[in-house]
Amino acid sequence: MKADFLCPECGGHLSVGGFVIFSATNSTGEHGLILLSPHLGDYSKIIHPSFKIQESSKVDYFCPICSAGLAAHDIHENIVHLVMIDEKFEKHDVYFSGVEGEFCTYKVSRQCFEKYGKTAENYMRYFMTRHI
C-alpha cells in the first residue's frame, strides 16, 4: 500500500489516480481543482490552464468531498492540514504551505517530525513552540 491522504474533518480519501485532489480558491476568488503529488517534498501539481495561481499568493484548500476548509488556523493561516496513513498503516498529520512558491511540508506524529522543501524553515517556529 502506498501512503493514503485523508480529510481531517470527514476522513474522506483524497488520493485518486496517483494524486492528492483538492478543491481550491485562488486569491481572486476563482474556484478550481488542484492535484498534488503524494510524495512529500515533491511539489509538482496539475491544475486546469484556466485556473490561475499567482506566485506568492495564498490558495485556500478544501476537501472535495465535504467542502471543509483545510487551513490549520491553530498553526498559521497559510498552512494546510491533511492526515496521512503510511505504508505501515501509521497515522501522521501532514502540513504544507498554501502559498504558491513556498515549498515546505511537515510530517508530524508522536513518532516523528520531518520537514521537506527549500522553504521549510519559514514555519518551523510554529511547530517547535507547540506539541501537535
Protein backbone atom coordinates (compact mmCIF):
# COMPACT_ATOMS: atom_id res chain seq x y z
CA MET A 1 0.00 0.00 0.00
CA LYS A 2 1.21 3.48 -0.80
CA ALA A 3 0.52 6.36 1.54
CA ASP A 4 -3.09 7.50 1.64
CA PHE A 5 -4.27 11.02 2.42
CA LEU A 6 -7.48 11.82 4.27
CA CYS A 7 -9.52 14.88 5.06
CA PRO A 8 -9.04 15.71 8.77
CA GLU A 9 -12.73 16.66 9.01
CA CYS A 10 -14.69 13.89 7.25
CA GLY A 11 -12.00 11.22 6.89
CA GLY A 12 -12.67 11.01 3.16
CA HIS A 13 -9.94 9.62 0.94
CA LEU A 14 -8.26 12.34 -1.14
CA SER A 15 -5.83 10.08 -3.03
CA VAL A 16 -7.07 9.48 -6.56
CA GLY A 17 -5.15 8.20 -9.59
CA GLY A 18 -1.72 8.81 -8.10
CA PHE A 19 -2.51 12.35 -6.89
CA VAL A 20 -4.00 14.07 -3.85
CA ILE A 21 -7.00 16.06 -5.02
CA PHE A 22 -8.37 19.30 -3.57
CA SER A 23 -10.91 21.91 -4.47
CA ALA A 24 -9.38 25.36 -4.14
CA THR A 25 -9.98 29.09 -4.34
CA ASN A 26 -7.27 31.40 -5.63
CA SER A 27 -6.54 34.94 -4.42
CA THR A 28 -9.03 36.44 -6.91
CA GLY A 29 -11.87 34.19 -5.72
CA GLU A 30 -11.84 31.78 -8.67
CA HIS A 31 -12.51 28.11 -7.92
CA GLY A 32 -10.73 25.09 -9.33
CA LEU A 33 -9.22 21.70 -8.64
CA ILE A 34 -5.60 21.04 -7.72
CA LEU A 35 -3.93 17.65 -7.96
CA LEU A 36 -0.74 17.40 -5.90
CA SER A 37 1.95 14.74 -5.83
CA PRO A 38 1.51 12.32 -2.89
CA HIS A 39 5.29 12.24 -2.38
CA LEU A 40 6.33 14.51 0.48
CA GLY A 41 8.81 17.08 -0.84
CA ASP A 42 7.63 16.76 -4.45
CA TYR A 43 5.82 19.99 -5.28
CA SER A 44 4.55 19.07 -8.72
CA LYS A 45 0.89 19.73 -9.36
CA ILE A 46 -1.75 19.65 -12.06
CA ILE A 47 -4.33 22.38 -12.47
CA HIS A 48 -6.61 23.36 -15.33
CA PRO A 49 -4.97 26.06 -17.51
CA SER A 50 -7.88 28.43 -16.80
CA PHE A 51 -7.30 28.27 -13.02
CA LYS A 52 -4.54 30.80 -12.46
CA ILE A 53 -2.43 30.93 -9.33
CA GLN A 54 -0.09 33.88 -8.95
CA GLU A 55 3.36 33.38 -7.41
CA SER A 56 3.40 34.21 -3.66
CA SER A 57 -0.40 34.29 -3.46
CA LYS A 58 -2.35 32.28 -0.91
CA VAL A 59 -4.60 29.47 -2.13
CA ASP A 60 -7.43 28.23 0.07
CA TYR A 61 -7.65 24.42 0.01
CA PHE A 62 -10.87 22.48 0.63
CA CYS A 63 -11.88 18.85 0.87
CA PRO A 64 -13.59 17.92 -2.42
CA ILE A 65 -15.86 15.52 -0.51
CA CYS A 66 -17.21 17.54 2.43
CA SER A 67 -16.06 21.06 1.38
CA ALA A 68 -14.33 21.64 4.73
CA GLY A 69 -11.60 24.25 4.72
CA LEU A 70 -8.24 22.60 5.30
CA ALA A 71 -6.38 25.60 6.73
CA ALA A 72 -4.62 24.84 10.01
CA HIS A 73 -5.54 28.14 11.67
CA ASP A 74 -4.23 26.87 15.01
CA ILE A 75 -0.74 26.79 13.48
CA HIS A 76 -0.78 29.52 10.81
CA GLU A 77 -3.36 30.78 8.31
CA ASN A 78 -1.08 29.79 5.40
CA ILE A 79 -0.73 26.15 6.49
CA VAL A 80 -2.91 23.36 5.07
CA HIS A 81 -3.59 20.19 7.11
CA LEU A 82 -4.13 16.60 5.93
CA VAL A 83 -3.96 13.19 7.57
CA MET A 84 -1.62 10.61 6.06
CA ILE A 85 -1.75 6.85 6.58
CA ASP A 86 1.64 5.47 5.59
CA GLU A 87 2.69 2.08 4.21
CA LYS A 88 2.86 0.69 7.76
CA PHE A 89 -0.68 1.94 8.45
CA GLU A 90 0.67 4.56 10.86
CA LYS A 91 -1.17 7.87 11.09
CA HIS A 92 0.63 11.20 10.62
CA ASP A 93 -0.52 14.78 10.33
CA VAL A 94 0.84 16.43 7.19
CA TYR A 95 1.04 20.19 6.86
CA PHE A 96 2.10 22.23 3.85
CA SER A 97 2.10 25.84 2.82
CA GLY A 98 -0.88 27.07 0.82
CA VAL A 99 1.18 29.94 -0.57
CA GLU A 100 2.24 29.43 -4.18
CA GLY A 101 6.02 29.09 -4.38
CA GLU A 102 6.57 28.29 -0.69
CA PHE A 103 7.92 24.77 -0.79
CA CYS A 104 7.53 23.44 2.73
CA THR A 105 5.90 20.32 4.10
CA TYR A 106 5.88 18.85 7.60
CA LYS A 107 5.11 15.30 8.66
CA VAL A 108 4.16 15.17 12.33
CA SER A 109 3.26 12.32 14.67
CA ARG A 110 4.24 11.03 18.09
CA GLN A 111 6.98 9.00 16.37
CA CYS A 112 8.45 11.68 14.12
CA PHE A 113 8.81 15.22 12.92
CA GLU A 114 10.10 15.55 9.37
CA LYS A 115 10.37 18.65 7.24
CA TYR A 116 10.68 18.90 3.48
CA GLY A 117 11.26 21.68 0.98
CA LYS A 118 13.61 24.58 0.44
CA THR A 119 11.47 26.99 2.47
CA ALA A 120 10.68 24.60 5.35
CA GLU A 121 12.27 26.99 7.84
CA ASN A 122 9.52 29.57 7.13
CA TYR A 123 7.07 27.98 9.58
CA MET A 124 9.35 25.93 11.84
CA ARG A 125 8.81 28.24 14.81
CA TYR A 126 5.08 27.45 14.76
CA PHE A 127 5.78 23.74 15.07
CA MET A 128 8.61 23.97 17.58
CA THR A 129 6.62 26.09 20.06
CA ARG A 130 3.73 23.65 20.45
CA HIS A 131 3.01 19.98 20.80
CA ILE A 132 0.85 18.95 17.89
